[in-house]
């Protein structure tokens, strides 16, 4: 007896499908005191799936910075399996337009990591 490919693939439960992407990101928490790199695997306007290093735990509330588009998302953790996490977005911020002094750490970290990734690519 064989199982067809469609039978083994789980059904999509989200009302809005996520677009598959491969983007560099940052998980930032504790007002910028802690951050680590991640990979954004899929994305829509409401949430994302990110790959995380095994040695890092994802807090229940944090910021996800998309280094490519220089956008930060305030997130809540929906699920994790230790190497990936599903997050829902609470709010979205264009890093270049951030004026709130409490969120300036996002601008600083986004710029520093974007510059570092450009230097590594050369």
PDB file of N, CA and C in Angstrom:
ATOM      1  N   UNK A   1       0.838  -1.182   0.000  1.00  0.00           N
ATOM      2  CA  UNK A   1       0.000   0.000   0.000  1.00  0.00           C
ATOM      3  C   UNK A   1       0.878   1.239   0.000  1.00  0.00           C
ATOM      4  N   UNK A   2       0.618   2.180  -0.885  1.00  0.00           N
ATOM      5  CA  UNK A   2       1.399   3.410  -0.960  1.00  0.00           C
ATOM      6  C   UNK A   2       0.561   4.599  -0.517  1.00  0.00           C
ATOM      7  N   UNK A   3       1.267   5.584  -0.009  1.00  0.00           N
ATOM      8  CA  UNK A   3       0.606   6.824   0.409  1.00  0.00           C
ATOM      9  C   UNK A   3       0.926   7.887  -0.631  1.00  0.00           C
ATOM     10  N   UNK A   4      -0.084   8.533  -1.130  1.00  0.00           N
ATOM     11  CA  UNK A   4       0.156   9.572  -2.138  1.00  0.00           C
ATOM     12  C   UNK A   4       0.778  10.792  -1.476  1.00  0.00           C
ATOM     13  N   UNK A   5       1.440  11.600  -2.269  1.00  0.00           N
ATOM     14  CA  UNK A   5       2.094  12.806  -1.758  1.00  0.00           C
ATOM     15  C   UNK A   5       1.083  13.776  -1.171  1.00  0.00           C
ATOM     16  N   UNK A   6      -0.090  13.857  -1.746  1.00  0.00           N
ATOM     17  CA  UNK A   6      -1.104  14.779  -1.229  1.00  0.00           C
ATOM     18  C   UNK A   6      -1.679  14.294   0.093  1.00  0.00           C
ATOM     19  N   UNK A   7      -1.732  12.998   0.305  1.00  0.00           N
ATOM     20  CA  UNK A   7      -2.274  12.475   1.553  1.00  0.00           C
ATOM     21  C   UNK A   7      -1.325  12.724   2.717  1.00  0.00           C
ATOM     22  N   UNK A   8      -0.009  12.783   2.468  1.00  0.00           N
ATOM     23  CA  UNK A   8       0.954  12.969   3.546  1.00  0.00           C
ATOM     24  C   UNK A   8       1.190  14.441   3.878  1.00  0.00           C
ATOM     25  N   UNK A   9       0.773  15.348   3.033  1.00  0.00           N
ATOM     26  CA  UNK A   9       0.968  16.771   3.271  1.00  0.00           C
ATOM     27  C   UNK A   9      -0.164  17.313   4.133  1.00  0.00           C
ATOM     28  N   UNK A  10       0.177  17.969   5.286  1.00  0.00           N
ATOM     29  CA  UNK A  10      -0.886  18.483   6.141  1.00  0.00           C
ATOM     30  C   UNK A  10      -1.654  19.612   5.465  1.00  0.00           C
ATOM     31  N   UNK A  11      -2.918  19.730   5.798  1.00  0.00           N
ATOM     32  CA  UNK A  11      -3.769  20.775   5.220  1.00  0.00           C
ATOM     33  C   UNK A  11      -3.376  22.136   5.775  1.00  0.00           C
ATOM     34  N   UNK A  12      -3.475  23.143   4.947  1.00  0.00           N
ATOM     35  CA  UNK A  12      -3.214  24.519   5.360  1.00  0.00           C
ATOM     36  C   UNK A  12      -4.347  24.979   6.268  1.00  0.00           C
ATOM     37  N   UNK A  13      -4.003  25.415   7.492  1.00  0.00           N
ATOM     38  CA  UNK A  13      -5.021  25.828   8.452  1.00  0.00           C
ATOM     39  C   UNK A  13      -5.170  27.343   8.542  1.00  0.00           C
ATOM     40  N   UNK A  14      -4.237  28.083   7.991  1.00  0.00           N
ATOM     41  CA  UNK A  14      -4.305  29.544   8.052  1.00  0.00           C
ATOM     42  C   UNK A  14      -5.290  30.081   7.044  1.00  0.00           C
ATOM     43  N   UNK A  15      -6.036  31.130   7.405  1.00  0.00           N
ATOM     44  CA  UNK A  15      -6.938  31.746   6.430  1.00  0.00           C
ATOM     45  C   UNK A  15      -6.173  32.498   5.335  1.00  0.00           C
ATOM     46  N   UNK A  16      -4.971  32.993   5.651  1.00  0.00           N
ATOM     47  CA  UNK A  16      -4.140  33.712   4.682  1.00  0.00           C
ATOM     48  C   UNK A  16      -2.827  32.963   4.518  1.00  0.00           C
ATOM     49  N   UNK A  17      -2.614  32.412   3.344  1.00  0.00           N
ATOM     50  CA  UNK A  17      -1.415  31.619   3.074  1.00  0.00           C
ATOM     51  C   UNK A  17      -0.167  32.474   3.222  1.00  0.00           C
ATOM     52  N   UNK A  18       0.900  31.838   3.674  1.00  0.00           N
ATOM     53  CA  UNK A  18       2.184  32.528   3.785  1.00  0.00           C
ATOM     54  C   UNK A  18       3.005  32.290   2.528  1.00  0.00           C
ATOM     55  N   UNK A  19       3.772  33.296   2.166  1.00  0.00           N
ATOM     56  CA  UNK A  19       4.667  33.209   1.019  1.00  0.00           C
ATOM     57  C   UNK A  19       5.989  32.616   1.489  1.00  0.00           C
ATOM     58  N   UNK A  20       6.493  31.633   0.750  1.00  0.00           N
ATOM     59  CA  UNK A  20       7.789  31.055   1.074  1.00  0.00           C
ATOM     60  C   UNK A  20       8.884  32.054   0.748  1.00  0.00           C
ATOM     61  N   UNK A  21       9.778  32.277   1.711  1.00  0.00           N
ATOM     62  CA  UNK A  21      10.892  33.209   1.544  1.00  0.00           C
ATOM     63  C   UNK A  21      12.127  32.598   2.197  1.00  0.00           C
ATOM     64  N   UNK A  22      13.254  33.211   1.968  1.00  0.00           N
ATOM     65  CA  UNK A  22      14.496  32.843   2.635  1.00  0.00           C
ATOM     66  C   UNK A  22      15.218  34.150   2.935  1.00  0.00           C
ATOM     67  N   UNK A  23      14.957  34.702   4.121  1.00  0.00           N
ATOM     68  CA  UNK A  23      15.452  36.024   4.484  1.00  0.00           C
ATOM     69  C   UNK A  23      16.208  35.982   5.809  1.00  0.00           C
ATOM     70  N   UNK A  24      17.222  36.830   5.924  1.00  0.00           N
ATOM     71  CA  UNK A  24      17.947  36.967   7.185  1.00  0.00           C
ATOM     72  C   UNK A  24      17.123  37.801   8.147  1.00  0.00           C
ATOM     73  N   UNK A  25      17.136  37.392   9.398  1.00  0.00           N
ATOM     74  CA  UNK A  25      16.384  38.128  10.404  1.00  0.00           C
ATOM     75  C   UNK A  25      17.091  38.143  11.738  1.00  0.00           C
ATOM     76  N   UNK A  26      16.526  38.915  12.651  1.00  0.00           N
ATOM     77  CA  UNK A  26      17.005  39.002  14.025  1.00  0.00           C
ATOM     78  C   UNK A  26      15.831  38.805  14.965  1.00  0.00           C
ATOM     79  N   UNK A  27      16.028  38.044  15.998  1.00  0.00           N
ATOM     80  CA  UNK A  27      15.095  37.977  17.114  1.00  0.00           C
ATOM     81  C   UNK A  27      15.672  38.902  18.181  1.00  0.00           C
ATOM     82  N   UNK A  28      14.893  39.896  18.595  1.00  0.00           N
ATOM     83  CA  UNK A  28      15.367  40.919  19.528  1.00  0.00           C
ATOM     84  C   UNK A  28      14.392  40.991  20.702  1.00  0.00           C
ATOM     85  N   UNK A  29      14.939  41.001  21.909  1.00  0.00           N
ATOM     86  CA  UNK A  29      14.078  41.114  23.088  1.00  0.00           C
ATOM     87  C   UNK A  29      14.817  41.820  24.218  1.00  0.00           C
ATOM     88  N   UNK A  30      14.112  42.095  25.306  1.00  0.00           N
ATOM     89  CA  UNK A  30      14.647  42.816  26.470  1.00  0.00           C
ATOM     90  C   UNK A  30      15.176  44.187  26.060  1.00  0.00           C
ATOM     91  N   UNK A  31      14.364  44.933  25.335  1.00  0.00           N
ATOM     92  CA  UNK A  31      14.697  46.285  24.865  1.00  0.00           C
ATOM     93  C   UNK A  31      16.042  46.333  24.140  1.00  0.00           C
ATOM     94  N   UNK A  32      16.349  45.279  23.397  1.00  0.00           N
ATOM     95  CA  UNK A  32      17.570  45.238  22.598  1.00  0.00           C
ATOM     96  C   UNK A  32      18.776  44.690  23.327  1.00  0.00           C
ATOM     97  N   UNK A  33      18.630  44.322  24.595  1.00  0.00           N
ATOM     98  CA  UNK A  33      19.757  43.776  25.350  1.00  0.00           C
ATOM     99  C   UNK A  33      20.174  42.406  24.820  1.00  0.00           C
ATOM    100  N   UNK A  34      19.233  41.669  24.226  1.00  0.00           N
ATOM    101  CA  UNK A  34      19.519  40.342  23.693  1.00  0.00           C
ATOM    102  C   UNK A  34      19.002  40.237  22.266  1.00  0.00           C
ATOM    103  N   UNK A  35      19.801  39.620  21.415  1.00  0.00           N
ATOM    104  CA  UNK A  35      19.347  39.341  20.049  1.00  0.00           C
ATOM    105  C   UNK A  35      20.165  38.189  19.485  1.00  0.00           C
ATOM    106  N   UNK A  36      19.583  37.514  18.507  1.00  0.00           N
ATOM    107  CA  UNK A  36      20.301  36.470  17.779  1.00  0.00           C
ATOM    108  C   UNK A  36      19.724  36.390  16.368  1.00  0.00           C
ATOM    109  N   UNK A  37      20.541  35.875  15.453  1.00  0.00           N
ATOM    110  CA  UNK A  37      20.118  35.785  14.061  1.00  0.00           C
ATOM    111  C   UNK A  37      19.173  34.609  13.870  1.00  0.00           C
ATOM    112  N   UNK A  38      18.337  34.721  12.864  1.00  0.00           N
ATOM    113  CA  UNK A  38      17.407  33.662  12.502  1.00  0.00           C
ATOM    114  C   UNK A  38      17.202  33.720  10.988  1.00  0.00           C
ATOM    115  N   UNK A  39      16.470  32.765  10.470  1.00  0.00           N
ATOM    116  CA  UNK A  39      16.113  32.756   9.057  1.00  0.00           C
ATOM    117  C   UNK A  39      14.599  32.781   8.954  1.00  0.00           C
ATOM    118  N   UNK A  40      14.072  33.744   8.223  1.00  0.00           N
ATOM    119  CA  UNK A  40      12.631  33.832   8.001  1.00  0.00           C
ATOM    120  C   UNK A  40      12.323  32.912   6.827  1.00  0.00           C
ATOM    121  N   UNK A  41      11.469  31.896   7.054  1.00  0.00           N
ATOM    122  CA  UNK A  41      11.179  30.869   6.057  1.00  0.00           C
ATOM    123  C   UNK A  41       9.896  31.109   5.286  1.00  0.00           C
ATOM    124  N   UNK A  42       8.885  31.655   5.957  1.00  0.00           N
ATOM    125  CA  UNK A  42       7.685  32.064   5.243  1.00  0.00           C
ATOM    126  C   UNK A  42       7.063  33.231   5.972  1.00  0.00           C
ATOM    127  N   UNK A  43       6.230  33.976   5.251  1.00  0.00           N
ATOM    128  CA  UNK A  43       5.829  35.287   5.734  1.00  0.00           C
ATOM    129  C   UNK A  43       4.514  35.701   5.098  1.00  0.00           C
ATOM    130  N   UNK A  44       3.655  36.337   5.879  1.00  0.00           N
ATOM    131  CA  UNK A  44       2.519  37.079   5.342  1.00  0.00           C
ATOM    132  C   UNK A  44       2.308  38.289   6.243  1.00  0.00           C
ATOM    133  N   UNK A  45       1.258  39.048   6.038  1.00  0.00           N
ATOM    134  CA  UNK A  45       1.078  40.272   6.823  1.00  0.00           C
ATOM    135  C   UNK A  45       0.716  39.991   8.275  1.00  0.00           C
ATOM    136  N   UNK A  46       0.367  38.745   8.603  1.00  0.00           N
ATOM    137  CA  UNK A  46      -0.077  38.414   9.955  1.00  0.00           C
ATOM    138  C   UNK A  46       0.931  37.615  10.770  1.00  0.00           C
ATOM    139  N   UNK A  47       1.931  37.007  10.120  1.00  0.00           N
ATOM    140  CA  UNK A  47       2.879  36.196  10.863  1.00  0.00           C
ATOM    141  C   UNK A  47       3.958  35.592   9.999  1.00  0.00           C
ATOM    142  N   UNK A  48       4.785  34.746  10.633  1.00  0.00           N
ATOM    143  CA  UNK A  48       5.923  34.150   9.936  1.00  0.00           C
ATOM    144  C   UNK A  48       6.316  32.839  10.601  1.00  0.00           C
ATOM    145  N   UNK A  49       7.112  32.065   9.854  1.00  0.00           N
ATOM    146  CA  UNK A  49       7.782  30.886  10.401  1.00  0.00           C
ATOM    147  C   UNK A  49       9.263  31.177  10.300  1.00  0.00           C
ATOM    148  N   UNK A  50       9.974  31.010  11.406  1.00  0.00           N
ATOM    149  CA  UNK A  50      11.404  31.304  11.424  1.00  0.00           C
ATOM    150  C   UNK A  50      12.185  30.084  11.894  1.00  0.00           C
ATOM    151  N   UNK A  51      13.370  29.906  11.330  1.00  0.00           N
ATOM    152  CA  UNK A  51      14.311  28.888  11.795  1.00  0.00           C
ATOM    153  C   UNK A  51      15.204  29.552  12.826  1.00  0.00           C
ATOM    154  N   UNK A  52      15.410  28.870  13.945  1.00  0.00           N
ATOM    155  CA  UNK A  52      16.197  29.434  15.035  1.00  0.00           C
ATOM    156  C   UNK A  52      17.336  28.491  15.386  1.00  0.00           C
ATOM    157  N   UNK A  53      18.473  29.039  15.843  1.00  0.00           N
ATOM    158  CA  UNK A  53      19.567  28.165  16.278  1.00  0.00           C
ATOM    159  C   UNK A  53      19.124  27.318  17.474  1.00  0.00           C
ATOM    160  N   UNK A  54      19.603  26.095  17.544  1.00  0.00           N
ATOM    161  CA  UNK A  54      19.189  25.166  18.603  1.00  0.00           C
ATOM    162  C   UNK A  54      19.494  25.679  20.001  1.00  0.00           C
ATOM    163  N   UNK A  55      20.536  26.427  20.151  1.00  0.00           N
ATOM    164  CA  UNK A  55      20.943  26.858  21.495  1.00  0.00           C
ATOM    165  C   UNK A  55      20.152  28.063  22.024  1.00  0.00           C
ATOM    166  N   UNK A  56      19.224  28.594  21.215  1.00  0.00           N
ATOM    167  CA  UNK A  56      18.465  29.775  21.624  1.00  0.00           C
ATOM    168  C   UNK A  56      16.995  29.446  21.871  1.00  0.00           C
ATOM    169  N   UNK A  57      16.491  29.972  22.961  1.00  0.00           N
ATOM    170  CA  UNK A  57      15.061  29.873  23.253  1.00  0.00           C
ATOM    171  C   UNK A  57      14.406  31.170  22.787  1.00  0.00           C
ATOM    172  N   UNK A  58      13.203  31.056  22.269  1.00  0.00           N
ATOM    173  CA  UNK A  58      12.471  32.228  21.800  1.00  0.00           C
ATOM    174  C   UNK A  58      11.517  32.666  22.911  1.00  0.00           C
ATOM    175  N   UNK A  59      11.592  33.935  23.328  1.00  0.00           N
ATOM    176  CA  UNK A  59      10.668  34.404  24.366  1.00  0.00           C
ATOM    177  C   UNK A  59       9.238  34.491  23.841  1.00  0.00           C
ATOM    178  N   UNK A  60       8.288  34.618  24.729  1.00  0.00           N
ATOM    179  CA  UNK A  60       6.876  34.650  24.322  1.00  0.00           C
ATOM    180  C   UNK A  60       6.510  35.931  23.578  1.00  0.00           C
ATOM    181  N   UNK A  61       7.238  37.014  23.817  1.00  0.00           N
ATOM    182  CA  UNK A  61       7.000  38.280  23.103  1.00  0.00           C
ATOM    183  C   UNK A  61       8.357  38.878  22.753  1.00  0.00           C
ATOM    184  N   UNK A  62       8.524  39.305  21.495  1.00  0.00           N
ATOM    185  CA  UNK A  62       9.812  39.813  21.026  1.00  0.00           C
ATOM    186  C   UNK A  62       9.606  40.599  19.736  1.00  0.00           C
ATOM    187  N   UNK A  63      10.698  41.108  19.182  1.00  0.00           N
ATOM    188  CA  UNK A  63      10.681  41.770  17.879  1.00  0.00           C
ATOM    189  C   UNK A  63      11.415  40.883  16.885  1.00  0.00           C
ATOM    190  N   UNK A  64      10.868  40.764  15.695  1.00  0.00           N
ATOM    191  CA  UNK A  64      11.515  40.078  14.585  1.00  0.00           C
ATOM    192  C   UNK A  64      11.888  41.151  13.574  1.00  0.00           C
ATOM    193  N   UNK A  65      13.175  41.240  13.245  1.00  0.00           N
ATOM    194  CA  UNK A  65      13.657  42.236  12.287  1.00  0.00           C
ATOM    195  C   UNK A  65      13.968  41.534  10.974  1.00  0.00           C
ATOM    196  N   UNK A  66      13.303  41.959   9.913  1.00  0.00           N
ATOM    197  CA  UNK A  66      13.594  41.485   8.563  1.00  0.00           C
ATOM    198  C   UNK A  66      14.718  42.372   8.045  1.00  0.00           C
ATOM    199  N   UNK A  67      15.932  41.839   7.981  1.00  0.00           N
ATOM    200  CA  UNK A  67      17.092  42.645   7.600  1.00  0.00           C
ATOM    201  C   UNK A  67      17.055  43.070   6.142  1.00  0.00           C
ATOM    202  N   UNK A  68      16.427  42.283   5.295  1.00  0.00           N
ATOM    203  CA  UNK A  68      16.341  42.620   3.872  1.00  0.00           C
ATOM    204  C   UNK A  68      15.479  43.857   3.638  1.00  0.00           C
ATOM    205  N   UNK A  69      14.299  43.872   4.216  1.00  0.00           N
ATOM    206  CA  UNK A  69      13.383  44.995   3.979  1.00  0.00           C
ATOM    207  C   UNK A  69      13.465  46.061   5.060  1.00  0.00           C
ATOM    208  N   UNK A  70      14.292  45.833   6.098  1.00  0.00           N
ATOM    209  CA  UNK A  70      14.436  46.773   7.210  1.00  0.00           C
ATOM    210  C   UNK A  70      13.079  47.102   7.831  1.00  0.00           C
ATOM    211  N   UNK A  71      12.336  46.039   8.139  1.00  0.00           N
ATOM    212  CA  UNK A  71      11.044  46.126   8.814  1.00  0.00           C
ATOM    213  C   UNK A  71      11.147  45.321  10.100  1.00  0.00           C
ATOM    214  N   UNK A  72      10.574  45.863  11.172  1.00  0.00           N
ATOM    215  CA  UNK A  72      10.527  45.156  12.451  1.00  0.00           C
ATOM    216  C   UNK A  72       9.079  44.823  12.774  1.00  0.00           C
ATOM    217  N   UNK A  73       8.881  43.652  13.329  1.00  0.00           N
ATOM    218  CA  UNK A  73       7.555  43.194  13.724  1.00  0.00           C
ATOM    219  C   UNK A  73       7.564  42.919  15.221  1.00  0.00           C
ATOM    220  N   UNK A  74       6.600  43.463  15.940  1.00  0.00           N
ATOM    221  CA  UNK A  74       6.406  43.048  17.319  1.00  0.00           C
ATOM    222  C   UNK A  74       5.625  41.739  17.244  1.00  0.00           C
ATOM    223  N   UNK A  75       6.134  40.681  17.887  1.00  0.00           N
ATOM    224  CA  UNK A  75       5.592  39.333  17.717  1.00  0.00           C
ATOM    225  C   UNK A  75       5.221  38.682  19.031  1.00  0.00           C
ATOM    226  N   UNK A  76       4.323  37.719  18.907  1.00  0.00           N
ATOM    227  CA  UNK A  76       4.095  36.768  19.985  1.00  0.00           C
ATOM    228  C   UNK A  76       4.364  35.373  19.425  1.00  0.00           C
ATOM    229  N   UNK A  77       4.928  34.545  20.270  1.00  0.00           N
ATOM    230  CA  UNK A  77       5.236  33.166  19.880  1.00  0.00           C
ATOM    231  C   UNK A  77       3.958  32.344  19.899  1.00  0.00           C
ATOM    232  N   UNK A  78       3.668  31.673  18.792  1.00  0.00           N
ATOM    233  CA  UNK A  78       2.496  30.804  18.703  1.00  0.00           C
ATOM    234  C   UNK A  78       2.887  29.350  18.959  1.00  0.00           C
ATOM    235  N   UNK A  79       3.999  28.910  18.360  1.00  0.00           N
ATOM    236  CA  UNK A  79       4.471  27.544  18.556  1.00  0.00           C
ATOM    237  C   UNK A  79       5.971  27.486  18.315  1.00  0.00           C
ATOM    238  N   UNK A  80       6.621  26.475  18.849  1.00  0.00           N
ATOM    239  CA  UNK A  80       8.025  26.207  18.576  1.00  0.00           C
ATOM    240  C   UNK A  80       8.286  24.716  18.752  1.00  0.00           C
ATOM    241  N   UNK A  81       9.245  24.225  17.988  1.00  0.00           N
ATOM    242  CA  UNK A  81       9.655  22.825  18.132  1.00  0.00           C
ATOM    243  C   UNK A  81      11.145  22.728  18.447  1.00  0.00           C
ATOM    244  N   UNK A  82      11.761  23.846  18.797  1.00  0.00           N
ATOM    245  CA  UNK A  82      13.174  23.871  19.140  1.00  0.00           C
ATOM    246  C   UNK A  82      14.080  24.340  18.020  1.00  0.00           C
ATOM    247  N   UNK A  83      13.672  24.135  16.770  1.00  0.00           N
ATOM    248  CA  UNK A  83      14.486  24.603  15.642  1.00  0.00           C
ATOM    249  C   UNK A  83      13.712  25.557  14.728  1.00  0.00           C
ATOM    250  N   UNK A  84      12.407  25.599  14.897  1.00  0.00           N
ATOM    251  CA  UNK A  84      11.559  26.529  14.151  1.00  0.00           C
ATOM    252  C   UNK A  84      10.516  27.093  15.102  1.00  0.00           C
ATOM    253  N   UNK A  85       9.984  28.249  14.712  1.00  0.00           N
ATOM    254  CA  UNK A  85       8.938  28.872  15.517  1.00  0.00           C
ATOM    255  C   UNK A  85       7.932  29.540  14.594  1.00  0.00           C
ATOM    256  N   UNK A  86       6.687  29.518  15.012  1.00  0.00           N
ATOM    257  CA  UNK A  86       5.628  30.241  14.325  1.00  0.00           C
ATOM    258  C   UNK A  86       5.265  31.451  15.166  1.00  0.00           C
ATOM    259  N   UNK A  87       5.194  32.610  14.534  1.00  0.00           N
ATOM    260  CA  UNK A  87       4.907  33.839  15.271  1.00  0.00           C
ATOM    261  C   UNK A  87       3.754  34.589  14.617  1.00  0.00           C
ATOM    262  N   UNK A  88       3.035  35.330  15.436  1.00  0.00           N
ATOM    263  CA  UNK A  88       1.978  36.218  14.953  1.00  0.00           C
ATOM    264  C   UNK A  88       2.450  37.649  15.178  1.00  0.00           C
ATOM    265  N   UNK A  89       2.166  38.521  14.222  1.00  0.00           N
ATOM    266  CA  UNK A  89       2.572  39.914  14.318  1.00  0.00           C
ATOM    267  C   UNK A  89       1.516  40.736  15.042  1.00  0.00           C
ATOM    268  N   UNK A  90       1.971  41.543  15.995  1.00  0.00           N
ATOM    269  CA  UNK A  90       1.096  42.467  16.701  1.00  0.00           C
ATOM    270  C   UNK A  90       1.138  43.846  16.059  1.00  0.00           C
ATOM    271  N   UNK A  91       2.350  44.242  15.629  1.00  0.00           N
ATOM    272  CA  UNK A  91       2.534  45.560  15.022  1.00  0.00           C
ATOM    273  C   UNK A  91       3.741  45.506  14.091  1.00  0.00           C
ATOM    274  N   UNK A  92       3.724  46.350  13.063  1.00  0.00           N
ATOM    275  CA  UNK A  92       4.804  46.401  12.079  1.00  0.00           C
ATOM    276  C   UNK A  92       5.387  47.804  12.060  1.00  0.00           C
ATOM    277  N   UNK A  93       6.737  47.894  11.981  1.00  0.00           N
ATOM    278  CA  UNK A  93       7.428  49.179  11.991  1.00  0.00           C
ATOM    279  C   UNK A  93       8.439  49.235  10.851  1.00  0.00           C
ATOM    280  N   UNK A  94       8.411  50.304  10.061  1.00  0.00           N
ATOM    281  CA  UNK A  94       9.487  50.564   9.104  1.00  0.00           C
ATOM    282  C   UNK A  94      10.639  51.139   9.928  1.00  0.00           C
ATOM    283  N   UNK A  95      11.764  50.476   9.942  1.00  0.00           N
ATOM    284  CA  UNK A  95      12.861  50.871  10.820  1.00  0.00           C
ATOM    285  C   UNK A  95      13.337  52.293  10.531  1.00  0.00           C
ATOM    286  N   UNK A  96      13.411  52.678   9.271  1.00  0.00           N
ATOM    287  CA  UNK A  96      13.883  54.014   8.913  1.00  0.00           C
ATOM    288  C   UNK A  96      12.965  55.123   9.431  1.00  0.00           C
ATOM    289  N   UNK A  97      11.703  54.796   9.680  1.00  0.00           N
ATOM    290  CA  UNK A  97      10.741  55.806  10.119  1.00  0.00           C
ATOM    291  C   UNK A  97      10.461  55.767  11.621  1.00  0.00           C
ATOM    292  N   UNK A  98      11.224  54.976  12.358  1.00  0.00           N
ATOM    293  CA  UNK A  98      10.993  54.882  13.801  1.00  0.00           C
ATOM    294  C   UNK A  98      11.354  56.197  14.484  1.00  0.00           C
ATOM    295  N   UNK A  99      10.401  56.760  15.200  1.00  0.00           N
ATOM    296  CA  UNK A  99      10.632  57.993  15.954  1.00  0.00           C
ATOM    297  C   UNK A  99      10.524  57.780  17.456  1.00  0.00           C
ATOM    298  N   UNK A 100       9.939  56.683  17.873  1.00  0.00           N
ATOM    299  CA  UNK A 100       9.753  56.397  19.295  1.00  0.00           C
ATOM    300  C   UNK A 100      11.118  56.125  19.939  1.00  0.00           C
ATOM    301  N   UNK A 101      11.519  56.938  20.925  1.00  0.00           N
ATOM    302  CA  UNK A 101      12.824  56.715  21.569  1.00  0.00           C
ATOM    303  C   UNK A 101      12.952  55.332  22.207  1.00  0.00           C
ATOM    304  N   UNK A 102      11.843  54.737  22.620  1.00  0.00           N
ATOM    305  CA  UNK A 102      11.877  53.412  23.240  1.00  0.00           C
ATOM    306  C   UNK A 102      12.197  52.304  22.242  1.00  0.00           C
ATOM    307  N   UNK A 103      12.067  52.598  20.934  1.00  0.00           N
ATOM    308  CA  UNK A 103      12.316  51.588  19.902  1.00  0.00           C
ATOM    309  C   UNK A 103      13.576  51.870  19.072  1.00  0.00           C
ATOM    310  N   UNK A 104      14.376  52.821  19.472  1.00  0.00           N
ATOM    311  CA  UNK A 104      15.580  53.155  18.711  1.00  0.00           C
ATOM    312  C   UNK A 104      16.577  52.006  18.663  1.00  0.00           C
ATOM    313  N   UNK A 105      16.513  51.102  19.626  1.00  0.00           N
ATOM    314  CA  UNK A 105      17.405  49.942  19.592  1.00  0.00           C
ATOM    315  C   UNK A 105      17.161  49.113  18.330  1.00  0.00           C
ATOM    316  N   UNK A 106      15.941  49.111  17.810  1.00  0.00           N
ATOM    317  CA  UNK A 106      15.643  48.375  16.571  1.00  0.00           C
ATOM    318  C   UNK A 106      16.368  49.000  15.387  1.00  0.00           C
ATOM    319  N   UNK A 107      16.386  50.315  15.339  1.00  0.00           N
ATOM    320  CA  UNK A 107      17.091  51.027  14.262  1.00  0.00           C
ATOM    321  C   UNK A 107      18.586  50.726  14.320  1.00  0.00           C
ATOM    322  N   UNK A 108      19.151  50.798  15.524  1.00  0.00           N
ATOM    323  CA  UNK A 108      20.583  50.553  15.705  1.00  0.00           C
ATOM    324  C   UNK A 108      20.946  49.115  15.319  1.00  0.00           C
ATOM    325  N   UNK A 109      20.197  48.147  15.816  1.00  0.00           N
ATOM    326  CA  UNK A 109      20.494  46.735  15.520  1.00  0.00           C
ATOM    327  C   UNK A 109      20.256  46.400  14.053  1.00  0.00           C
ATOM    328  N   UNK A 110      19.179  46.910  13.475  1.00  0.00           N
ATOM    329  CA  UNK A 110      18.887  46.653  12.068  1.00  0.00           C
ATOM    330  C   UNK A 110      19.991  47.168  11.165  1.00  0.00           C
ATOM    331  N   UNK A 111      20.464  48.386  11.444  1.00  0.00           N
ATOM    332  CA  UNK A 111      21.536  48.976  10.632  1.00  0.00           C
ATOM    333  C   UNK A 111      22.847  48.221  10.827  1.00  0.00           C
ATOM    334  N   UNK A 112      23.184  47.873  12.054  1.00  0.00           N
ATOM    335  CA  UNK A 112      24.446  47.174  12.332  1.00  0.00           C
ATOM    336  C   UNK A 112      24.486  45.804  11.661  1.00  0.00           C
ATOM    337  N   UNK A 113      23.404  45.057  11.743  1.00  0.00           N
ATOM    338  CA  UNK A 113      23.388  43.715  11.160  1.00  0.00           C
ATOM    339  C   UNK A 113      23.249  43.752   9.641  1.00  0.00           C
ATOM    340  N   UNK A 114      22.552  44.730   9.105  1.00  0.00           N
ATOM    341  CA  UNK A 114      22.454  44.856   7.647  1.00  0.00           C
ATOM    342  C   UNK A 114      23.823  45.172   7.066  1.00  0.00           C
ATOM    343  N   UNK A 115      24.579  46.056   7.717  1.00  0.00           N
ATOM    344  CA  UNK A 115      25.929  46.403   7.262  1.00  0.00           C
ATOM    345  C   UNK A 115      26.842  45.192   7.355  1.00  0.00           C
ATOM    346  N   UNK A 116      26.749  44.443   8.438  1.00  0.00           N
ATOM    347  CA  UNK A 116      27.607  43.262   8.614  1.00  0.00           C
ATOM    348  C   UNK A 116      27.317  42.217   7.547  1.00  0.00           C
ATOM    349  N   UNK A 117      26.049  42.029   7.180  1.00  0.00           N
ATOM    350  CA  UNK A 117      25.727  41.024   6.160  1.00  0.00           C
ATOM    351  C   UNK A 117      26.202  41.461   4.785  1.00  0.00           C
ATOM    352  N   UNK A 118      26.223  42.754   4.502  1.00  0.00           N
ATOM    353  CA  UNK A 118      26.751  43.255   3.225  1.00  0.00           C
ATOM    354  C   UNK A 118      28.257  43.021   3.163  1.00  0.00           C
ATOM    355  N   UNK A 119      28.958  43.292   4.250  1.00  0.00           N
ATOM    356  CA  UNK A 119      30.408  43.112   4.282  1.00  0.00           C
ATOM    357  C   UNK A 119      30.760  41.635   4.071  1.00  0.00           C
ATOM    358  N   UNK A 120      30.027  40.715   4.711  1.00  0.00           N
ATOM    359  CA  UNK A 120      30.288  39.283   4.553  1.00  0.00           C
ATOM    360  C   UNK A 120      30.039  38.808   3.138  1.00  0.00           C
ATOM    361  N   UNK A 121      29.102  39.424   2.442  1.00  0.00           N
ATOM    362  CA  UNK A 121      28.739  38.991   1.082  1.00  0.00           C
ATOM    363  C   UNK A 121      29.802  39.392   0.064  1.00  0.00           C
ATOM    364  N   UNK A 122      30.594  40.393   0.359  1.00  0.00           N
ATOM    365  CA  UNK A 122      31.596  40.876  -0.616  1.00  0.00           C
ATOM    366  C   UNK A 122      32.812  40.020  -0.697  1.00  0.00           C
TER     367      UNK A 122
END
